[in-house]
Amino acid sequence: MTSLSDMHVLIVDDNQQMRLLLRCMVRAGGIIHISEAATAAEAFDIMRTAPVDLVLVDWKMRPIDGITFTRMARNDHDAPNPYIPILMVTAHTEVSRVAAARDAGVSGFVKKPISSRLLFERISSALTDERMFIRSGDFFGPDRRRDQQAGYAGPFRRVTDKGGARAETFIIDDERRRA
């Protein structure tokens, strides 16, 4: 892919007005190959028939929501491209929901109300993301840790790390932080 005009973006949202808004925003940014789906099933049909470079998916859809769609796109054996960048679009931005989206395997999060600047920052980030994809237990998706430093000399982050985790450390969206 050499430019935005070469990209194929799939917008998955059960709200027609939101699909229209997102389509207009991405088109104004130079993306001309845009497909839309009102359901996860329609989205998978599109993904099976044409290569898609990026998915914008809404959290609250019926009958399958955006979290379930993301898990299916990442984990189902017949998923067309489990490595596709997926941006979750939602007004529900509580820490627990962001963590749930991250844990489902999304590449990024776009908060409503949407601005063109934020949307294209997230698109750019998702397309240039160099994080490895990780498969562990029930997770498959981009490494959930961001901004890792090669020479990190801080505390261990997991109980299973050599030396064990230090009690005074926590990951930013760790439940212990809210207590």
C-alpha atoms as a PDB file:
ATOM      1  CA  MET A   1       0.000   0.000   0.000  1.00  0.00           C
ATOM      2  CA  THR A   2       1.480   3.339  -0.984  1.00  0.00           C
ATOM      3  CA  SER A   3      -1.198   5.888  -0.058  1.00  0.00           C
ATOM      4  CA  LEU A   4      -4.532   6.325   1.675  1.00  0.00           C
ATOM      5  CA  SER A   5      -6.270   6.269  -1.701  1.00  0.00           C
ATOM      6  CA  ASP A   6      -5.084   2.649  -2.131  1.00  0.00           C
ATOM      7  CA  MET A   7      -6.636   1.514   1.157  1.00  0.00           C
ATOM      8  CA  HIS A   8      -9.857  -0.439   1.562  1.00  0.00           C
ATOM      9  CA  VAL A   9     -11.659   0.458   4.803  1.00  0.00           C
ATOM     10  CA  LEU A  10     -14.597  -1.504   6.170  1.00  0.00           C
ATOM     11  CA  ILE A  11     -17.060   0.331   8.428  1.00  0.00           C
ATOM     12  CA  VAL A  12     -19.128  -1.987  10.639  1.00  0.00           C
ATOM     13  CA  ASP A  13     -21.978  -0.312  12.490  1.00  0.00           C
ATOM     14  CA  ASP A  14     -25.675  -1.085  12.814  1.00  0.00           C
ATOM     15  CA  ASN A  15     -26.466   2.653  12.801  1.00  0.00           C
ATOM     16  CA  GLN A  16     -26.804   3.917   9.228  1.00  0.00           C
ATOM     17  CA  GLN A  17     -26.181   7.559  10.195  1.00  0.00           C
ATOM     18  CA  MET A  18     -22.923   6.650  11.913  1.00  0.00           C
ATOM     19  CA  ARG A  19     -21.786   4.660   8.888  1.00  0.00           C
ATOM     20  CA  LEU A  20     -22.547   7.696   6.727  1.00  0.00           C
ATOM     21  CA  LEU A  21     -20.608  10.007   9.060  1.00  0.00           C
ATOM     22  CA  LEU A  22     -17.581   7.699   9.166  1.00  0.00           C
ATOM     23  CA  ARG A  23     -17.683   7.173   5.404  1.00  0.00           C
ATOM     24  CA  CYS A  24     -17.723  10.948   4.804  1.00  0.00           C
ATOM     25  CA  MET A  25     -14.850  11.480   7.252  1.00  0.00           C
ATOM     26  CA  VAL A  26     -12.582   8.805   5.784  1.00  0.00           C
ATOM     27  CA  ARG A  27     -13.423   9.887   2.239  1.00  0.00           C
ATOM     28  CA  ALA A  28     -12.564  13.504   3.106  1.00  0.00           C
ATOM     29  CA  GLY A  29      -9.216  12.197   4.361  1.00  0.00           C
ATOM     30  CA  GLY A  30      -8.423  10.631   0.992  1.00  0.00           C
ATOM     31  CA  ILE A  31      -9.667   7.058   1.434  1.00  0.00           C
ATOM     32  CA  ILE A  32     -11.884   6.157  -1.509  1.00  0.00           C
ATOM     33  CA  HIS A  33     -12.329   2.374  -1.214  1.00  0.00           C
ATOM     34  CA  ILE A  34     -14.925   2.062   1.538  1.00  0.00           C
ATOM     35  CA  SER A  35     -17.295  -0.794   2.308  1.00  0.00           C
ATOM     36  CA  GLU A  36     -20.054  -0.784   4.884  1.00  0.00           C
ATOM     37  CA  ALA A  37     -21.727  -3.502   6.902  1.00  0.00           C
ATOM     38  CA  ALA A  38     -24.635  -3.264   9.322  1.00  0.00           C
ATOM     39  CA  THR A  39     -23.849  -6.612  10.969  1.00  0.00           C
ATOM     40  CA  ALA A  40     -20.852  -8.757  11.771  1.00  0.00           C
ATOM     41  CA  ALA A  41     -22.070 -11.393   9.302  1.00  0.00           C
ATOM     42  CA  GLU A  42     -22.152  -8.819   6.483  1.00  0.00           C
ATOM     43  CA  ALA A  43     -18.679  -7.653   7.506  1.00  0.00           C
ATOM     44  CA  PHE A  44     -17.241 -11.168   7.299  1.00  0.00           C
ATOM     45  CA  ASP A  45     -18.853 -11.650   3.878  1.00  0.00           C
ATOM     46  CA  ILE A  46     -17.142  -8.476   2.646  1.00  0.00           C
ATOM     47  CA  MET A  47     -13.812  -9.487   4.203  1.00  0.00           C
ATOM     48  CA  ARG A  48     -13.987 -12.870   2.469  1.00  0.00           C
ATOM     49  CA  THR A  49     -14.650 -11.374  -0.968  1.00  0.00           C
ATOM     50  CA  ALA A  50     -12.167  -8.470  -1.022  1.00  0.00           C
ATOM     51  CA  PRO A  51      -8.963  -7.646   0.866  1.00  0.00           C
ATOM     52  CA  VAL A  52      -9.650  -5.093   3.610  1.00  0.00           C
ATOM     53  CA  ASP A  53      -6.843  -2.972   5.077  1.00  0.00           C
ATOM     54  CA  LEU A  54      -8.620  -1.562   8.141  1.00  0.00           C
ATOM     55  CA  VAL A  55     -11.876  -2.138  10.037  1.00  0.00           C
ATOM     56  CA  LEU A  56     -13.765   0.527  11.972  1.00  0.00           C
ATOM     57  CA  VAL A  57     -16.259  -1.277  14.218  1.00  0.00           C
ATOM     58  CA  ASP A  58     -18.833   0.057  16.650  1.00  0.00           C
ATOM     59  CA  TRP A  59     -19.006  -1.413  20.138  1.00  0.00           C
ATOM     60  CA  LYS A  60     -22.796  -1.591  20.539  1.00  0.00           C
ATOM     61  CA  MET A  61     -24.328  -3.507  17.665  1.00  0.00           C
ATOM     62  CA  ARG A  62     -26.914  -6.231  17.402  1.00  0.00           C
ATOM     63  CA  PRO A  63     -26.997  -9.182  17.212  1.00  0.00           C
ATOM     64  CA  ILE A  64     -23.181  -9.393  17.510  1.00  0.00           C
ATOM     65  CA  ASP A  65     -21.390  -6.505  19.222  1.00  0.00           C
ATOM     66  CA  GLY A  66     -18.003  -5.060  18.293  1.00  0.00           C
ATOM     67  CA  ILE A  67     -16.135  -6.945  21.017  1.00  0.00           C
ATOM     68  CA  THR A  68     -17.492 -10.292  19.815  1.00  0.00           C
ATOM     69  CA  PHE A  69     -16.805  -9.308  16.208  1.00  0.00           C
ATOM     70  CA  THR A  70     -13.184  -8.518  17.112  1.00  0.00           C
ATOM     71  CA  ARG A  71     -12.736 -11.828  18.928  1.00  0.00           C
ATOM     72  CA  MET A  72     -14.194 -13.663  15.935  1.00  0.00           C
ATOM     73  CA  ALA A  73     -11.968 -11.752  13.495  1.00  0.00           C
ATOM     74  CA  ARG A  74      -8.909 -12.596  15.578  1.00  0.00           C
ATOM     75  CA  ASN A  75      -9.654 -16.166  16.713  1.00  0.00           C
ATOM     76  CA  ASP A  76     -12.025 -17.998  14.356  1.00  0.00           C
ATOM     77  CA  HIS A  77     -10.252 -20.580  12.218  1.00  0.00           C
ATOM     78  CA  ASP A  78     -12.044 -19.281   9.113  1.00  0.00           C
ATOM     79  CA  ALA A  79     -11.407 -15.565   9.810  1.00  0.00           C
ATOM     80  CA  PRO A  80     -10.288 -13.905   6.568  1.00  0.00           C
ATOM     81  CA  ASN A  81      -7.368 -11.962   8.099  1.00  0.00           C
ATOM     82  CA  PRO A  82      -6.726 -12.243  11.855  1.00  0.00           C
ATOM     83  CA  TYR A  83      -3.956  -9.619  11.597  1.00  0.00           C
ATOM     84  CA  ILE A  84      -6.151  -6.839  10.209  1.00  0.00           C
ATOM     85  CA  PRO A  85      -6.028  -3.544  12.127  1.00  0.00           C
ATOM     86  CA  ILE A  86      -9.332  -3.063  13.963  1.00  0.00           C
ATOM     87  CA  LEU A  87     -10.333   0.265  15.507  1.00  0.00           C
ATOM     88  CA  MET A  88     -13.169   0.196  18.048  1.00  0.00           C
ATOM     89  CA  VAL A  89     -15.465   3.227  17.720  1.00  0.00           C
ATOM     90  CA  THR A  90     -17.573   3.976  20.796  1.00  0.00           C
ATOM     91  CA  ALA A  91     -18.792   6.543  23.292  1.00  0.00           C
ATOM     92  CA  HIS A  92     -18.228   4.031  26.100  1.00  0.00           C
ATOM     93  CA  THR A  93     -14.715   4.921  27.214  1.00  0.00           C
ATOM     94  CA  GLU A  94     -14.590   3.767  30.809  1.00  0.00           C
ATOM     95  CA  VAL A  95     -11.276   2.129  31.725  1.00  0.00           C
ATOM     96  CA  SER A  96     -12.938  -1.282  32.026  1.00  0.00           C
ATOM     97  CA  ARG A  97     -14.404  -1.004  28.525  1.00  0.00           C
ATOM     98  CA  VAL A  98     -11.141   0.149  26.982  1.00  0.00           C
ATOM     99  CA  ALA A  99      -9.451  -2.816  28.683  1.00  0.00           C
ATOM    100  CA  ALA A 100     -12.162  -5.176  27.386  1.00  0.00           C
ATOM    101  CA  ALA A 101     -11.639  -3.900  23.832  1.00  0.00           C
ATOM    102  CA  ARG A 102      -7.870  -4.223  24.192  1.00  0.00           C
ATOM    103  CA  ASP A 103      -8.286  -7.731  25.572  1.00  0.00           C
ATOM    104  CA  ALA A 104     -10.502  -8.666  22.620  1.00  0.00           C
ATOM    105  CA  GLY A 105      -7.642  -7.713  20.289  1.00  0.00           C
ATOM    106  CA  VAL A 106      -8.465  -4.264  18.940  1.00  0.00           C
ATOM    107  CA  SER A 107      -5.611  -2.251  17.500  1.00  0.00           C
ATOM    108  CA  GLY A 108      -6.953   1.044  18.801  1.00  0.00           C
ATOM    109  CA  PHE A 109      -9.871   2.941  20.226  1.00  0.00           C
ATOM    110  CA  VAL A 110     -11.747   5.940  18.746  1.00  0.00           C
ATOM    111  CA  LYS A 111     -13.893   7.889  21.167  1.00  0.00           C
ATOM    112  CA  LYS A 112     -17.216   9.431  20.156  1.00  0.00           C
ATOM    113  CA  PRO A 113     -17.923  12.204  19.443  1.00  0.00           C
ATOM    114  CA  ILE A 114     -15.395  11.725  16.678  1.00  0.00           C
ATOM    115  CA  SER A 115     -13.138  14.406  15.288  1.00  0.00           C
ATOM    116  CA  SER A 116     -11.405  13.955  11.945  1.00  0.00           C
ATOM    117  CA  ARG A 117      -8.053  14.669  13.569  1.00  0.00           C
ATOM    118  CA  LEU A 118      -8.506  11.953  16.196  1.00  0.00           C
ATOM    119  CA  LEU A 119      -9.863   9.458  13.663  1.00  0.00           C
ATOM    120  CA  PHE A 120      -6.869   9.877  11.352  1.00  0.00           C
ATOM    121  CA  GLU A 121      -4.397   9.829  14.249  1.00  0.00           C
ATOM    122  CA  ARG A 122      -5.845   6.452  15.236  1.00  0.00           C
ATOM    123  CA  ILE A 123      -5.886   5.203  11.635  1.00  0.00           C
ATOM    124  CA  SER A 124      -2.260   6.244  11.218  1.00  0.00           C
ATOM    125  CA  SER A 125      -1.319   4.599  14.499  1.00  0.00           C
ATOM    126  CA  ALA A 126      -3.112   1.349  13.595  1.00  0.00           C
ATOM    127  CA  LEU A 127      -1.505   1.177  10.153  1.00  0.00           C
ATOM    128  CA  THR A 128       2.021   1.878  11.393  1.00  0.00           C
ATOM    129  CA  ASP A 129       1.754  -0.172  14.581  1.00  0.00           C
ATOM    130  CA  GLU A 130       4.837  -2.387  14.893  1.00  0.00           C
ATOM    131  CA  ARG A 131       3.665  -4.394  17.903  1.00  0.00           C
ATOM    132  CA  MET A 132       3.950  -8.139  17.494  1.00  0.00           C
ATOM    133  CA  PHE A 133       0.786 -10.225  17.521  1.00  0.00           C
ATOM    134  CA  ILE A 134       0.555 -12.427  20.590  1.00  0.00           C
ATOM    135  CA  ARG A 135      -1.311 -15.702  21.037  1.00  0.00           C
ATOM    136  CA  SER A 136      -1.832 -16.807  24.608  1.00  0.00           C
ATOM    137  CA  GLY A 137      -4.733 -18.663  26.149  1.00  0.00           C
ATOM    138  CA  ASP A 138      -7.889 -17.017  24.832  1.00  0.00           C
ATOM    139  CA  PHE A 139      -6.151 -13.900  23.435  1.00  0.00           C
ATOM    140  CA  PHE A 140      -4.862 -13.211  19.963  1.00  0.00           C
ATOM    141  CA  GLY A 141      -4.060  -9.700  18.864  1.00  0.00           C
ATOM    142  CA  PRO A 142      -1.497  -6.934  19.037  1.00  0.00           C
ATOM    143  CA  ASP A 143       0.737  -7.036  22.108  1.00  0.00           C
ATOM    144  CA  ARG A 144      -1.264  -5.206  24.783  1.00  0.00           C
ATOM    145  CA  ARG A 145       1.839  -3.474  26.096  1.00  0.00           C
ATOM    146  CA  ARG A 146       2.609  -0.218  24.308  1.00  0.00           C
ATOM    147  CA  ASP A 147       5.741   1.914  24.278  1.00  0.00           C
ATOM    148  CA  GLN A 148       8.058  -0.822  25.470  1.00  0.00           C
ATOM    149  CA  GLN A 149      11.598   0.293  25.962  1.00  0.00           C
ATOM    150  CA  ALA A 150      14.313  -2.120  24.871  1.00  0.00           C
ATOM    151  CA  GLY A 151      16.474  -1.308  27.883  1.00  0.00           C
ATOM    152  CA  TYR A 152      13.657  -1.322  30.439  1.00  0.00           C
ATOM    153  CA  ALA A 153      15.231  -1.681  33.889  1.00  0.00           C
ATOM    154  CA  GLY A 154      12.121  -1.215  36.027  1.00  0.00           C
ATOM    155  CA  PRO A 155      10.209  -3.705  38.170  1.00  0.00           C
ATOM    156  CA  PHE A 156       8.914  -7.009  36.884  1.00  0.00           C
ATOM    157  CA  ARG A 157       5.391  -6.780  35.477  1.00  0.00           C
ATOM    158  CA  ARG A 158       4.092 -10.307  35.967  1.00  0.00           C
ATOM    159  CA  VAL A 159       4.083 -12.783  38.810  1.00  0.00           C
ATOM    160  CA  THR A 160       5.662 -15.323  36.457  1.00  0.00           C
ATOM    161  CA  ASP A 161       8.591 -13.019  35.586  1.00  0.00           C
ATOM    162  CA  LYS A 162      11.902 -13.933  37.168  1.00  0.00           C
ATOM    163  CA  GLY A 163      11.854 -12.551  40.681  1.00  0.00           C
ATOM    164  CA  GLY A 164       8.070 -12.090  40.845  1.00  0.00           C
ATOM    165  CA  ALA A 165       5.983  -8.933  40.636  1.00  0.00           C
ATOM    166  CA  ARG A 166       6.494  -6.118  43.091  1.00  0.00           C
ATOM    167  CA  ALA A 167       3.348  -5.281  45.060  1.00  0.00           C
ATOM    168  CA  GLU A 168       3.707  -1.520  44.553  1.00  0.00           C
ATOM    169  CA  THR A 169       3.675  -1.766  40.758  1.00  0.00           C
ATOM    170  CA  PHE A 170       0.642  -2.045  38.545  1.00  0.00           C
ATOM    171  CA  ILE A 171      -0.308  -1.666  34.936  1.00  0.00           C
ATOM    172  CA  ILE A 172      -2.174   1.586  34.282  1.00  0.00           C
ATOM    173  CA  ASP A 173      -5.587  -0.033  33.903  1.00  0.00           C
ATOM    174  CA  ASP A 174      -5.095  -2.589  36.639  1.00  0.00           C
ATOM    175  CA  GLU A 175      -8.170  -3.012  38.865  1.00  0.00           C
ATOM    176  CA  ARG A 176      -6.018  -2.434  41.978  1.00  0.00           C
ATOM    177  CA  ARG A 177      -5.553   1.177  40.877  1.00  0.00           C
ATOM    178  CA  ARG A 178      -9.233   1.999  41.325  1.00  0.00           C
ATOM    179  CA  ALA A 179      -9.392   0.704  44.892  1.00  0.00           C
END
